[in-house]
Amino acid sequence: MAVININEAKKNIEQVGFLDIDVDVKLDLFKEIERLKKEKNAVILAHYYQEADIQDVADYIGDSLGLAQQAEKTKADVIVFAGVHFMAETAKILNPDKKVLLPDLKAGCSLSDSAPPHLFKKFKEQYPGHLVISYINCSAGIKALSDIICTSSNAKQIVESLPVDQKIIFAPDKNLGAYINKQTGRKMVLWDGACMVHEIFSREKITRLKIRHPQAKVIAHPECEDIVLQLADYIGSTTQLLKYTQKDDSKEYIVATETGILHQMQKDSPGKLFIPAPPDNSCACNDCPHMKLNTLEKLYLCMEYETPELLMEESLRQAALKPIRRMLDISAKLGL
């Protein structure tokens, strides 16, 4: 295997976002990653949308709420975040004294990118007296401009915990915001942002798929557009979708969210059929290209060389911490 100079590695990361090193094909990456976890007192937190090998080697797999809760209470010295950039940022916000690593710094998020902080600040100024609730799928800059953070698991409960006459701006996901408005009867002002994966599902193709699988239930993430949610038998966060398939009696499901979750669904319910909902394009799948930038090789390399590391200015971290803490406190009180 190639020997790397750490200074050269940092230059490389600035250019391409990850360590571009050939890994010995004979190396047992699963064994090596387990070794590194012990040697460095490291924990691997992985999102459900990661590739199957990364999910299998992770210490904790979850959605945004679960990952934030795990990041808050971990005793590890090193947090390796197998997810996207805003997730690693959240871990760093909660753990300023821990080293937070991300296998590929370019693993971004289309939803997060849809809300530039400088533009959102101007948008916010147009609505004085409004409290800002931001979906956790946003940058630290947006979090710093927010009053409360939420996830798809707790958004409805957080909104309902506020007085009914409280004016609210919801950012950055317009589809999740519209769904919460519909569920709560609120009239939150919505920022015009969306997730590229959850916006490409085709109502027509799902309908045709349902005709071929009449016993299949459609389950969907609330980041999907309303025309897709109208077809759903159940709507919920990634974790809620997973739990639903574990307890529900049906044997077939059409799943309208990122395909990574199907790995856990199949592991937990091997006798059931899980069909990815078709997108409105020529591709047969709906993978998040950002989530899939992380690979087992990159995960191993970032642990071996402890780079790329996510760093953050303390003033930004402190500002972004307040709304996250408020979310975690409300979630704890509500038993979420």
C-alpha atoms as a PDB file:
ATOM      1  CA  MET A   1       0.000   0.000   0.000  1.00  0.00           C
ATOM      2  CA  ALA A   2       1.202   3.527  -0.745  1.00  0.00           C
ATOM      3  CA  VAL A   3       2.882   5.494   2.051  1.00  0.00           C
ATOM      4  CA  ILE A   4       1.431   8.962   2.431  1.00  0.00           C
ATOM      5  CA  ASN A   5       2.864  12.244   3.640  1.00  0.00           C
ATOM      6  CA  ILE A   6       0.198  13.969   5.744  1.00  0.00           C
ATOM      7  CA  ASN A   7       1.073  17.444   4.448  1.00  0.00           C
ATOM      8  CA  GLU A   8       0.704  16.180   0.905  1.00  0.00           C
ATOM      9  CA  ALA A   9      -2.563  14.544   1.903  1.00  0.00           C
ATOM     10  CA  LYS A  10      -3.983  17.854   3.091  1.00  0.00           C
ATOM     11  CA  LYS A  11      -3.096  19.480  -0.222  1.00  0.00           C
ATOM     12  CA  ASN A  12      -4.721  16.570  -2.015  1.00  0.00           C
ATOM     13  CA  ILE A  13      -7.903  16.929   0.034  1.00  0.00           C
ATOM     14  CA  GLU A  14      -8.159  20.624  -0.823  1.00  0.00           C
ATOM     15  CA  GLN A  15      -8.102  19.685  -4.510  1.00  0.00           C
ATOM     16  CA  VAL A  16     -10.294  16.578  -4.669  1.00  0.00           C
ATOM     17  CA  GLY A  17     -12.030  16.314  -1.277  1.00  0.00           C
ATOM     18  CA  PHE A  18     -10.660  12.905  -0.259  1.00  0.00           C
ATOM     19  CA  LEU A  19      -7.441  10.882  -0.028  1.00  0.00           C
ATOM     20  CA  ASP A  20      -6.663   9.682  -3.536  1.00  0.00           C
ATOM     21  CA  ILE A  21      -4.556   6.656  -2.583  1.00  0.00           C
ATOM     22  CA  ASP A  22      -4.577   3.124  -3.926  1.00  0.00           C
ATOM     23  CA  VAL A  23      -5.601   0.668  -1.219  1.00  0.00           C
ATOM     24  CA  ASP A  24      -4.102  -2.809  -1.307  1.00  0.00           C
ATOM     25  CA  VAL A  25      -6.835  -5.080  -2.673  1.00  0.00           C
ATOM     26  CA  LYS A  26      -5.665  -7.831  -0.311  1.00  0.00           C
ATOM     27  CA  LEU A  27      -6.361  -5.683   2.728  1.00  0.00           C
ATOM     28  CA  ASP A  28      -9.339  -6.781   4.842  1.00  0.00           C
ATOM     29  CA  LEU A  29     -10.954  -3.377   5.227  1.00  0.00           C
ATOM     30  CA  PHE A  30     -13.555  -4.579   7.718  1.00  0.00           C
ATOM     31  CA  LYS A  31     -10.813  -5.969   9.979  1.00  0.00           C
ATOM     32  CA  GLU A  32      -8.639  -2.872   9.573  1.00  0.00           C
ATOM     33  CA  ILE A  33     -11.500  -0.512  10.382  1.00  0.00           C
ATOM     34  CA  GLU A  34     -12.293  -2.491  13.534  1.00  0.00           C
ATOM     35  CA  ARG A  35      -8.621  -2.234  14.517  1.00  0.00           C
ATOM     36  CA  LEU A  36      -8.583   1.511  13.968  1.00  0.00           C
ATOM     37  CA  LYS A  37     -11.764   1.970  16.016  1.00  0.00           C
ATOM     38  CA  LYS A  38     -10.072   0.376  19.004  1.00  0.00           C
ATOM     39  CA  GLU A  39      -6.685   2.058  18.544  1.00  0.00           C
ATOM     40  CA  LYS A  40      -8.099   5.553  18.137  1.00  0.00           C
ATOM     41  CA  ASN A  41     -11.181   5.241  20.375  1.00  0.00           C
ATOM     42  CA  ALA A  42     -13.240   6.099  17.317  1.00  0.00           C
ATOM     43  CA  VAL A  43     -16.943   5.691  16.617  1.00  0.00           C
ATOM     44  CA  ILE A  44     -18.493   5.404  13.156  1.00  0.00           C
ATOM     45  CA  LEU A  45     -21.881   7.058  12.744  1.00  0.00           C
ATOM     46  CA  ALA A  46     -23.578   6.223   9.446  1.00  0.00           C
ATOM     47  CA  HIS A  47     -26.750   7.384   7.773  1.00  0.00           C
ATOM     48  CA  TYR A  48     -29.213   4.875   6.336  1.00  0.00           C
ATOM     49  CA  TYR A  49     -28.432   6.198   2.856  1.00  0.00           C
ATOM     50  CA  GLN A  50     -24.804   5.009   2.922  1.00  0.00           C
ATOM     51  CA  GLU A  51     -23.689   2.008   0.893  1.00  0.00           C
ATOM     52  CA  ALA A  52     -24.317  -1.405   2.478  1.00  0.00           C
ATOM     53  CA  ASP A  53     -20.680  -2.106   3.456  1.00  0.00           C
ATOM     54  CA  ILE A  54     -20.455   1.152   5.396  1.00  0.00           C
ATOM     55  CA  GLN A  55     -23.727   0.434   7.177  1.00  0.00           C
ATOM     56  CA  ASP A  56     -22.416  -3.003   8.151  1.00  0.00           C
ATOM     57  CA  VAL A  57     -19.213  -1.638   9.692  1.00  0.00           C
ATOM     58  CA  ALA A  58     -20.849   1.311  11.504  1.00  0.00           C
ATOM     59  CA  ASP A  59     -21.339   1.466  15.272  1.00  0.00           C
ATOM     60  CA  TYR A  60     -24.630   3.285  14.852  1.00  0.00           C
ATOM     61  CA  ILE A  61     -26.928   3.626  11.844  1.00  0.00           C
ATOM     62  CA  GLY A  62     -29.744   6.129  11.886  1.00  0.00           C
ATOM     63  CA  ASP A  63     -31.550   9.139  10.494  1.00  0.00           C
ATOM     64  CA  SER A  64     -30.660  12.747  11.242  1.00  0.00           C
ATOM     65  CA  LEU A  65     -32.313  12.864  14.679  1.00  0.00           C
ATOM     66  CA  GLY A  66     -30.796   9.601  15.861  1.00  0.00           C
ATOM     67  CA  LEU A  67     -27.362  10.556  14.556  1.00  0.00           C
ATOM     68  CA  ALA A  68     -27.481  13.931  16.334  1.00  0.00           C
ATOM     69  CA  GLN A  69     -28.506  12.215  19.566  1.00  0.00           C
ATOM     70  CA  GLN A  70     -25.675   9.703  19.238  1.00  0.00           C
ATOM     71  CA  ALA A  71     -23.161  12.438  18.439  1.00  0.00           C
ATOM     72  CA  GLU A  72     -24.244  14.307  21.560  1.00  0.00           C
ATOM     73  CA  LYS A  73     -23.652  11.428  23.960  1.00  0.00           C
ATOM     74  CA  THR A  74     -20.648   9.608  22.449  1.00  0.00           C
ATOM     75  CA  LYS A  75     -17.569   9.049  24.635  1.00  0.00           C
ATOM     76  CA  ALA A  76     -15.295   8.457  21.649  1.00  0.00           C
ATOM     77  CA  ASP A  77     -12.309  10.709  20.949  1.00  0.00           C
ATOM     78  CA  VAL A  78     -12.825  10.529  17.195  1.00  0.00           C
ATOM     79  CA  ILE A  79     -16.175  10.692  15.388  1.00  0.00           C
ATOM     80  CA  VAL A  80     -16.131   9.334  11.848  1.00  0.00           C
ATOM     81  CA  PHE A  81     -19.262  10.539  10.116  1.00  0.00           C
ATOM     82  CA  ALA A  82     -20.322   8.416   7.182  1.00  0.00           C
ATOM     83  CA  GLY A  83     -22.912  10.772   5.806  1.00  0.00           C
ATOM     84  CA  VAL A  84     -22.870  14.217   4.247  1.00  0.00           C
ATOM     85  CA  HIS A  85     -21.240  17.488   5.227  1.00  0.00           C
ATOM     86  CA  PHE A  86     -24.048  19.048   7.274  1.00  0.00           C
ATOM     87  CA  MET A  87     -24.245  15.886   9.409  1.00  0.00           C
ATOM     88  CA  ALA A  88     -20.551  16.052  10.254  1.00  0.00           C
ATOM     89  CA  GLU A  89     -21.021  19.750  11.019  1.00  0.00           C
ATOM     90  CA  THR A  90     -23.755  18.874  13.506  1.00  0.00           C
ATOM     91  CA  ALA A  91     -21.423  16.399  15.222  1.00  0.00           C
ATOM     92  CA  LYS A  92     -18.732  19.069  15.475  1.00  0.00           C
ATOM     93  CA  ILE A  93     -21.191  21.645  16.802  1.00  0.00           C
ATOM     94  CA  LEU A  94     -22.101  19.229  19.595  1.00  0.00           C
ATOM     95  CA  ASN A  95     -18.504  18.054  20.194  1.00  0.00           C
ATOM     96  CA  PRO A  96     -16.029  20.941  19.848  1.00  0.00           C
ATOM     97  CA  ASP A  97     -13.241  19.043  21.622  1.00  0.00           C
ATOM     98  CA  LYS A  98     -13.535  15.871  19.539  1.00  0.00           C
ATOM     99  CA  LYS A  99     -12.002  15.193  16.163  1.00  0.00           C
ATOM    100  CA  VAL A 100     -14.708  14.825  13.514  1.00  0.00           C
ATOM    101  CA  LEU A 101     -13.768  13.111  10.262  1.00  0.00           C
ATOM    102  CA  LEU A 102     -15.705  12.853   7.011  1.00  0.00           C
ATOM    103  CA  PRO A 103     -14.527  10.311   4.400  1.00  0.00           C
ATOM    104  CA  ASP A 104     -15.155  12.776   1.563  1.00  0.00           C
ATOM    105  CA  LEU A 105     -15.454  16.519   2.177  1.00  0.00           C
ATOM    106  CA  LYS A 106     -17.321  16.875  -1.113  1.00  0.00           C
ATOM    107  CA  ALA A 107     -20.199  14.758   0.181  1.00  0.00           C
ATOM    108  CA  GLY A 108     -22.600  17.686   0.238  1.00  0.00           C
ATOM    109  CA  CYS A 109     -26.386  17.949   0.075  1.00  0.00           C
ATOM    110  CA  SER A 110     -28.607  19.461  -2.612  1.00  0.00           C
ATOM    111  CA  LEU A 111     -31.148  20.527   0.029  1.00  0.00           C
ATOM    112  CA  SER A 112     -28.518  22.226   2.170  1.00  0.00           C
ATOM    113  CA  ASP A 113     -27.056  23.921  -0.913  1.00  0.00           C
ATOM    114  CA  SER A 114     -30.500  25.277  -1.822  1.00  0.00           C
ATOM    115  CA  ALA A 115     -30.353  27.697   1.135  1.00  0.00           C
ATOM    116  CA  PRO A 116     -27.298  30.008   1.005  1.00  0.00           C
ATOM    117  CA  PRO A 117     -27.072  31.769   4.405  1.00  0.00           C
ATOM    118  CA  HIS A 118     -26.646  35.280   2.962  1.00  0.00           C
ATOM    119  CA  LEU A 119     -29.841  34.932   0.903  1.00  0.00           C
ATOM    120  CA  PHE A 120     -31.767  33.316   3.730  1.00  0.00           C
ATOM    121  CA  LYS A 121     -30.769  36.178   6.052  1.00  0.00           C
ATOM    122  CA  LYS A 122     -32.402  38.657   3.648  1.00  0.00           C
ATOM    123  CA  PHE A 123     -35.460  36.409   3.367  1.00  0.00           C
ATOM    124  CA  LYS A 124     -35.761  36.239   7.145  1.00  0.00           C
ATOM    125  CA  GLU A 125     -35.638  40.033   7.423  1.00  0.00           C
ATOM    126  CA  GLN A 126     -38.814  40.238   5.341  1.00  0.00           C
ATOM    127  CA  TYR A 127     -40.782  38.476   8.100  1.00  0.00           C
ATOM    128  CA  PRO A 128     -40.218  40.250  11.419  1.00  0.00           C
ATOM    129  CA  GLY A 129     -41.738  38.528  14.413  1.00  0.00           C
ATOM    130  CA  HIS A 130     -41.396  35.084  12.820  1.00  0.00           C
ATOM    131  CA  LEU A 131     -39.636  32.254  14.629  1.00  0.00           C
ATOM    132  CA  VAL A 132     -37.333  30.216  12.369  1.00  0.00           C
ATOM    133  CA  ILE A 133     -37.539  26.428  12.403  1.00  0.00           C
ATOM    134  CA  SER A 134     -34.928  24.857  10.152  1.00  0.00           C
ATOM    135  CA  TYR A 135     -34.751  21.252   9.064  1.00  0.00           C
ATOM    136  CA  ILE A 136     -31.452  19.735  10.178  1.00  0.00           C
ATOM    137  CA  ASN A 137     -30.533  19.186   6.510  1.00  0.00           C
ATOM    138  CA  CYS A 138     -28.970  22.635   6.302  1.00  0.00           C
ATOM    139  CA  SER A 139     -25.568  24.245   6.757  1.00  0.00           C
ATOM    140  CA  ALA A 140     -24.172  25.538  10.040  1.00  0.00           C
ATOM    141  CA  GLY A 141     -24.747  29.017   8.635  1.00  0.00           C
ATOM    142  CA  ILE A 142     -28.497  28.399   8.350  1.00  0.00           C
ATOM    143  CA  LYS A 143     -28.589  26.784  11.779  1.00  0.00           C
ATOM    144  CA  ALA A 144     -26.981  29.923  13.205  1.00  0.00           C
ATOM    145  CA  LEU A 145     -29.866  31.977  11.750  1.00  0.00           C
ATOM    146  CA  SER A 146     -32.498  29.650  13.242  1.00  0.00           C
ATOM    147  CA  ASP A 147     -34.373  29.455  16.531  1.00  0.00           C
ATOM    148  CA  ILE A 148     -35.081  25.712  16.536  1.00  0.00           C
ATOM    149  CA  ILE A 149     -33.764  22.830  14.460  1.00  0.00           C
ATOM    150  CA  CYS A 150     -36.007  19.888  13.594  1.00  0.00           C
ATOM    151  CA  THR A 151     -35.788  16.586  11.748  1.00  0.00           C
ATOM    152  CA  SER A 152     -38.413  14.728   9.757  1.00  0.00           C
ATOM    153  CA  SER A 153     -38.912  12.552  12.859  1.00  0.00           C
ATOM    154  CA  ASN A 154     -39.857  15.405  15.181  1.00  0.00           C
ATOM    155  CA  ALA A 155     -40.896  18.335  12.943  1.00  0.00           C
ATOM    156  CA  LYS A 156     -44.631  17.944  13.547  1.00  0.00           C
ATOM    157  CA  GLN A 157     -44.222  17.664  17.325  1.00  0.00           C
ATOM    158  CA  ILE A 158     -41.875  20.634  17.503  1.00  0.00           C
ATOM    159  CA  VAL A 159     -44.262  22.829  15.510  1.00  0.00           C
ATOM    160  CA  GLU A 160     -47.187  21.719  17.676  1.00  0.00           C
ATOM    161  CA  SER A 161     -45.209  22.515  20.839  1.00  0.00           C
ATOM    162  CA  LEU A 162     -45.346  26.218  19.909  1.00  0.00           C
ATOM    163  CA  PRO A 163     -48.325  28.552  20.504  1.00  0.00           C
ATOM    164  CA  VAL A 164     -50.837  28.395  17.648  1.00  0.00           C
ATOM    165  CA  ASP A 165     -50.486  32.123  17.027  1.00  0.00           C
ATOM    166  CA  GLN A 166     -46.693  31.960  16.720  1.00  0.00           C
ATOM    167  CA  LYS A 167     -45.609  33.032  13.235  1.00  0.00           C
ATOM    168  CA  ILE A 168     -43.053  30.625  11.750  1.00  0.00           C
ATOM    169  CA  ILE A 169     -40.579  30.491   8.885  1.00  0.00           C
ATOM    170  CA  PHE A 170     -39.723  26.922   7.883  1.00  0.00           C
ATOM    171  CA  ALA A 171     -36.522  26.190   5.959  1.00  0.00           C
ATOM    172  CA  PRO A 172     -35.049  24.864   3.787  1.00  0.00           C
ATOM    173  CA  ASP A 173     -37.353  22.035   2.588  1.00  0.00           C
ATOM    174  CA  LYS A 174     -40.601  23.333   1.083  1.00  0.00           C
ATOM    175  CA  ASN A 175     -42.039  19.814   0.707  1.00  0.00           C
ATOM    176  CA  LEU A 176     -41.519  18.858   4.342  1.00  0.00           C
ATOM    177  CA  GLY A 177     -42.779  22.300   5.378  1.00  0.00           C
ATOM    178  CA  ALA A 178     -45.921  21.935   3.256  1.00  0.00           C
ATOM    179  CA  TYR A 179     -46.539  18.476   4.709  1.00  0.00           C
ATOM    180  CA  ILE A 180     -46.225  19.831   8.278  1.00  0.00           C
ATOM    181  CA  ASN A 181     -48.550  22.726   7.414  1.00  0.00           C
ATOM    182  CA  LYS A 182     -51.093  20.192   6.171  1.00  0.00           C
ATOM    183  CA  GLN A 183     -50.708  18.007   9.270  1.00  0.00           C
ATOM    184  CA  THR A 184     -50.901  20.840  11.813  1.00  0.00           C
ATOM    185  CA  GLY A 185     -53.117  23.404  10.109  1.00  0.00           C
ATOM    186  CA  ARG A 186     -50.371  25.997  10.412  1.00  0.00           C
ATOM    187  CA  LYS A 187     -49.466  28.511   7.741  1.00  0.00           C
ATOM    188  CA  MET A 188     -45.694  28.563   8.025  1.00  0.00           C
ATOM    189  CA  VAL A 189     -43.770  30.671   5.531  1.00  0.00           C
ATOM    190  CA  LEU A 190     -41.690  28.258   3.444  1.00  0.00           C
ATOM    191  CA  TRP A 191     -38.240  28.738   1.969  1.00  0.00           C
ATOM    192  CA  ASP A 192     -38.102  27.416  -1.609  1.00  0.00           C
ATOM    193  CA  GLY A 193     -35.666  24.504  -1.202  1.00  0.00           C
ATOM    194  CA  ALA A 194     -35.863  20.776  -1.907  1.00  0.00           C
ATOM    195  CA  CYS A 195     -33.938  17.490  -1.977  1.00  0.00           C
ATOM    196  CA  MET A 196     -32.972  16.390  -5.487  1.00  0.00           C
ATOM    197  CA  VAL A 197     -33.573  12.702  -4.673  1.00  0.00           C
ATOM    198  CA  HIS A 198     -37.026  13.122  -3.165  1.00  0.00           C
ATOM    199  CA  GLU A 199     -38.204  15.437  -5.941  1.00  0.00           C
ATOM    200  CA  ILE A 200     -37.568  13.027  -8.812  1.00  0.00           C
ATOM    201  CA  PHE A 201     -40.146  10.357  -7.957  1.00  0.00           C
ATOM    202  CA  SER A 202     -42.732   9.855 -10.674  1.00  0.00           C
ATOM    203  CA  ARG A 203     -46.393   9.647  -9.636  1.00  0.00           C
ATOM    204  CA  GLU A 204     -47.243   7.983 -12.961  1.00  0.00           C
ATOM    205  CA  LYS A 205     -44.509   5.332 -12.668  1.00  0.00           C
ATOM    206  CA  ILE A 206     -45.405   4.585  -9.054  1.00  0.00           C
ATOM    207  CA  THR A 207     -49.041   4.166 -10.109  1.00  0.00           C
ATOM    208  CA  ARG A 208     -48.046   1.721 -12.854  1.00  0.00           C
ATOM    209  CA  LEU A 209     -45.824  -0.129 -10.393  1.00  0.00           C
ATOM    210  CA  LYS A 210     -48.715  -0.342  -7.968  1.00  0.00           C
ATOM    211  CA  ILE A 211     -50.857  -1.957 -10.689  1.00  0.00           C
ATOM    212  CA  ARG A 212     -48.191  -4.658 -11.134  1.00  0.00           C
ATOM    213  CA  HIS A 213     -47.940  -5.108  -7.347  1.00  0.00           C
ATOM    214  CA  PRO A 214     -51.507  -4.551  -6.089  1.00  0.00           C
ATOM    215  CA  GLN A 215     -50.699  -5.882  -2.605  1.00  0.00           C
ATOM    216  CA  ALA A 216     -47.725  -3.540  -2.129  1.00  0.00           C
ATOM    217  CA  LYS A 217     -48.024  -0.575   0.208  1.00  0.00           C
ATOM    218  CA  VAL A 218     -46.484   2.737  -0.833  1.00  0.00           C
ATOM    219  CA  ILE A 219     -44.358   4.272   1.933  1.00  0.00           C
ATOM    220  CA  ALA A 220     -42.809   7.712   1.476  1.00  0.00           C
ATOM    221  CA  HIS A 221     -40.540  10.251   3.116  1.00  0.00           C
ATOM    222  CA  PRO A 222     -42.181  13.675   3.710  1.00  0.00           C
ATOM    223  CA  GLU A 223     -39.466  15.343   1.618  1.00  0.00           C
ATOM    224  CA  CYS A 224     -41.342  13.972  -1.408  1.00  0.00           C
ATOM    225  CA  GLU A 225     -43.696  16.206  -3.365  1.00  0.00           C
ATOM    226  CA  ASP A 226     -47.360  16.220  -2.373  1.00  0.00           C
ATOM    227  CA  ILE A 227     -48.450  14.435  -5.573  1.00  0.00           C
ATOM    228  CA  VAL A 228     -46.326  11.470  -4.447  1.00  0.00           C
ATOM    229  CA  LEU A 229     -47.368  11.679  -0.793  1.00  0.00           C
ATOM    230  CA  GLN A 230     -51.008  11.437  -1.907  1.00  0.00           C
ATOM    231  CA  LEU A 231     -50.266   7.882  -3.094  1.00  0.00           C
ATOM    232  CA  ALA A 232     -48.666   6.805   0.171  1.00  0.00           C
ATOM    233  CA  ASP A 233     -50.172   4.367   2.638  1.00  0.00           C
ATOM    234  CA  TYR A 234     -47.664   5.587   5.221  1.00  0.00           C
ATOM    235  CA  ILE A 235     -45.498   8.728   5.460  1.00  0.00           C
ATOM    236  CA  GLY A 236     -42.576   9.028   7.835  1.00  0.00           C
ATOM    237  CA  SER A 237     -38.909   9.730   8.443  1.00  0.00           C
ATOM    238  CA  THR A 238     -36.322   7.176   7.390  1.00  0.00           C
ATOM    239  CA  THR A 239     -36.367   5.518  10.802  1.00  0.00           C
ATOM    240  CA  GLN A 240     -40.157   5.622  10.957  1.00  0.00           C
ATOM    241  CA  LEU A 241     -40.382   3.951   7.545  1.00  0.00           C
ATOM    242  CA  LEU A 242     -38.011   1.226   8.704  1.00  0.00           C
ATOM    243  CA  LYS A 243     -39.963   0.584  11.914  1.00  0.00           C
ATOM    244  CA  TYR A 244     -43.230   0.551   9.978  1.00  0.00           C
ATOM    245  CA  THR A 245     -42.007  -2.242   7.692  1.00  0.00           C
ATOM    246  CA  GLN A 246     -40.812  -4.228  10.708  1.00  0.00           C
ATOM    247  CA  LYS A 247     -44.227  -4.170  12.405  1.00  0.00           C
ATOM    248  CA  ASP A 248     -46.627  -4.039   9.464  1.00  0.00           C
ATOM    249  CA  ASP A 249     -48.183  -7.278   8.176  1.00  0.00           C
ATOM    250  CA  SER A 250     -47.780  -6.509   4.474  1.00  0.00           C
ATOM    251  CA  LYS A 251     -45.242  -8.460   2.426  1.00  0.00           C
ATOM    252  CA  GLU A 252     -44.504  -5.918  -0.321  1.00  0.00           C
ATOM    253  CA  TYR A 253     -43.575  -2.233  -0.190  1.00  0.00           C
ATOM    254  CA  ILE A 254     -42.859   0.456  -2.771  1.00  0.00           C
ATOM    255  CA  VAL A 255     -40.342   2.695  -1.016  1.00  0.00           C
ATOM    256  CA  ALA A 256     -40.213   6.399  -1.947  1.00  0.00           C
ATOM    257  CA  THR A 257     -36.950   7.504  -0.403  1.00  0.00           C
ATOM    258  CA  GLU A 258     -33.229   7.003  -1.047  1.00  0.00           C
ATOM    259  CA  THR A 259     -32.407   3.376  -1.837  1.00  0.00           C
ATOM    260  CA  GLY A 260     -29.816   2.979   0.931  1.00  0.00           C
ATOM    261  CA  ILE A 261     -32.557   2.264   3.474  1.00  0.00           C
ATOM    262  CA  LEU A 262     -33.566  -0.887   1.578  1.00  0.00           C
ATOM    263  CA  HIS A 263     -30.456  -2.634   2.916  1.00  0.00           C
ATOM    264  CA  GLN A 264     -31.669  -2.354   6.513  1.00  0.00           C
ATOM    265  CA  MET A 265     -35.254  -3.117   5.559  1.00  0.00           C
ATOM    266  CA  GLN A 266     -34.182  -6.320   3.835  1.00  0.00           C
ATOM    267  CA  LYS A 267     -31.925  -7.324   6.748  1.00  0.00           C
ATOM    268  CA  ASP A 268     -34.699  -6.798   9.277  1.00  0.00           C
ATOM    269  CA  SER A 269     -37.468  -8.374   7.163  1.00  0.00           C
ATOM    270  CA  PRO A 270     -35.837 -10.917   4.823  1.00  0.00           C
ATOM    271  CA  GLY A 271     -39.173 -12.450   3.848  1.00  0.00           C
ATOM    272  CA  LYS A 272     -40.567  -9.192   2.471  1.00  0.00           C
ATOM    273  CA  LEU A 273     -40.159  -7.513  -0.913  1.00  0.00           C
ATOM    274  CA  PHE A 274     -38.934  -3.901  -1.042  1.00  0.00           C
ATOM    275  CA  ILE A 275     -39.220  -2.092  -4.365  1.00  0.00           C
ATOM    276  CA  PRO A 276     -37.525   1.291  -4.887  1.00  0.00           C
ATOM    277  CA  ALA A 277     -40.029   3.856  -6.155  1.00  0.00           C
ATOM    278  CA  PRO A 278     -39.110   4.812  -9.735  1.00  0.00           C
ATOM    279  CA  PRO A 279     -37.843   8.313 -10.509  1.00  0.00           C
ATOM    280  CA  ASP A 280     -38.973  10.500 -13.369  1.00  0.00           C
ATOM    281  CA  ASN A 281     -35.848   9.892 -15.448  1.00  0.00           C
ATOM    282  CA  SER A 282     -34.143   7.105 -17.386  1.00  0.00           C
ATOM    283  CA  CYS A 283     -32.309   5.752 -14.344  1.00  0.00           C
ATOM    284  CA  ALA A 284     -33.785   2.724 -12.608  1.00  0.00           C
ATOM    285  CA  CYS A 285     -32.717   3.905  -9.163  1.00  0.00           C
ATOM    286  CA  ASN A 286     -32.822   6.964  -6.938  1.00  0.00           C
ATOM    287  CA  ASP A 287     -29.449   7.053  -5.181  1.00  0.00           C
ATOM    288  CA  CYS A 288     -28.158  10.260  -3.600  1.00  0.00           C
ATOM    289  CA  PRO A 289     -24.917  11.024  -5.486  1.00  0.00           C
ATOM    290  CA  HIS A 290     -23.585  12.926  -2.473  1.00  0.00           C
ATOM    291  CA  MET A 291     -24.186  10.125   0.046  1.00  0.00           C
ATOM    292  CA  LYS A 292     -22.627   7.627  -2.323  1.00  0.00           C
ATOM    293  CA  LEU A 293     -19.359   9.596  -2.569  1.00  0.00           C
ATOM    294  CA  ASN A 294     -18.333   7.882   0.652  1.00  0.00           C
ATOM    295  CA  THR A 295     -16.852   4.404   0.154  1.00  0.00           C
ATOM    296  CA  LEU A 296     -15.393   1.767   2.452  1.00  0.00           C
ATOM    297  CA  GLU A 297     -11.925   2.596   1.091  1.00  0.00           C
ATOM    298  CA  LYS A 298     -12.312   6.295   1.870  1.00  0.00           C
ATOM    299  CA  LEU A 299     -13.667   5.428   5.312  1.00  0.00           C
ATOM    300  CA  TYR A 300     -10.587   3.324   6.042  1.00  0.00           C
ATOM    301  CA  LEU A 301      -8.183   5.977   4.754  1.00  0.00           C
ATOM    302  CA  CYS A 302      -9.738   8.828   6.717  1.00  0.00           C
ATOM    303  CA  MET A 303      -9.484   6.744   9.902  1.00  0.00           C
ATOM    304  CA  GLU A 304      -5.913   5.644   9.193  1.00  0.00           C
ATOM    305  CA  TYR A 305      -4.634   9.163   8.506  1.00  0.00           C
ATOM    306  CA  GLU A 306      -7.264  11.114  10.525  1.00  0.00           C
ATOM    307  CA  THR A 307      -8.032  13.360   7.606  1.00  0.00           C
ATOM    308  CA  PRO A 308     -10.084  15.057   6.172  1.00  0.00           C
ATOM    309  CA  GLU A 309     -11.092  16.674   9.434  1.00  0.00           C
ATOM    310  CA  LEU A 310     -14.087  18.965   9.750  1.00  0.00           C
ATOM    311  CA  LEU A 311     -13.177  22.274  11.423  1.00  0.00           C
ATOM    312  CA  MET A 312     -15.409  25.190  12.383  1.00  0.00           C
ATOM    313  CA  GLU A 313     -15.061  28.710  13.720  1.00  0.00           C
ATOM    314  CA  GLU A 314     -16.096  28.857  17.379  1.00  0.00           C
ATOM    315  CA  SER A 315     -18.430  31.828  16.906  1.00  0.00           C
ATOM    316  CA  LEU A 316     -20.363  29.947  14.201  1.00  0.00           C
ATOM    317  CA  ARG A 317     -20.419  26.782  16.294  1.00  0.00           C
ATOM    318  CA  GLN A 318     -21.839  28.591  19.317  1.00  0.00           C
ATOM    319  CA  ALA A 319     -24.546  30.283  17.238  1.00  0.00           C
ATOM    320  CA  ALA A 320     -25.535  27.002  15.561  1.00  0.00           C
ATOM    321  CA  LEU A 321     -25.508  25.091  18.853  1.00  0.00           C
ATOM    322  CA  LYS A 322     -28.418  26.985  20.437  1.00  0.00           C
ATOM    323  CA  PRO A 323     -31.195  25.842  18.047  1.00  0.00           C
ATOM    324  CA  ILE A 324     -29.836  22.271  18.028  1.00  0.00           C
ATOM    325  CA  ARG A 325     -29.893  22.178  21.828  1.00  0.00           C
ATOM    326  CA  ARG A 326     -33.442  23.477  21.768  1.00  0.00           C
ATOM    327  CA  MET A 327     -34.439  20.647  19.422  1.00  0.00           C
ATOM    328  CA  LEU A 328     -32.764  18.013  21.575  1.00  0.00           C
ATOM    329  CA  ASP A 329     -34.364  19.408  24.727  1.00  0.00           C
ATOM    330  CA  ILE A 330     -37.869  19.450  23.165  1.00  0.00           C
ATOM    331  CA  SER A 331     -37.347  15.934  21.772  1.00  0.00           C
ATOM    332  CA  ALA A 332     -36.277  14.669  25.188  1.00  0.00           C
ATOM    333  CA  LYS A 333     -39.325  16.219  26.865  1.00  0.00           C
ATOM    334  CA  LEU A 334     -41.624  14.693  24.252  1.00  0.00           C
ATOM    335  CA  GLY A 335     -39.905  11.316  24.525  1.00  0.00           C
ATOM    336  CA  LEU A 336     -38.792  11.294  20.893  1.00  0.00           C
END
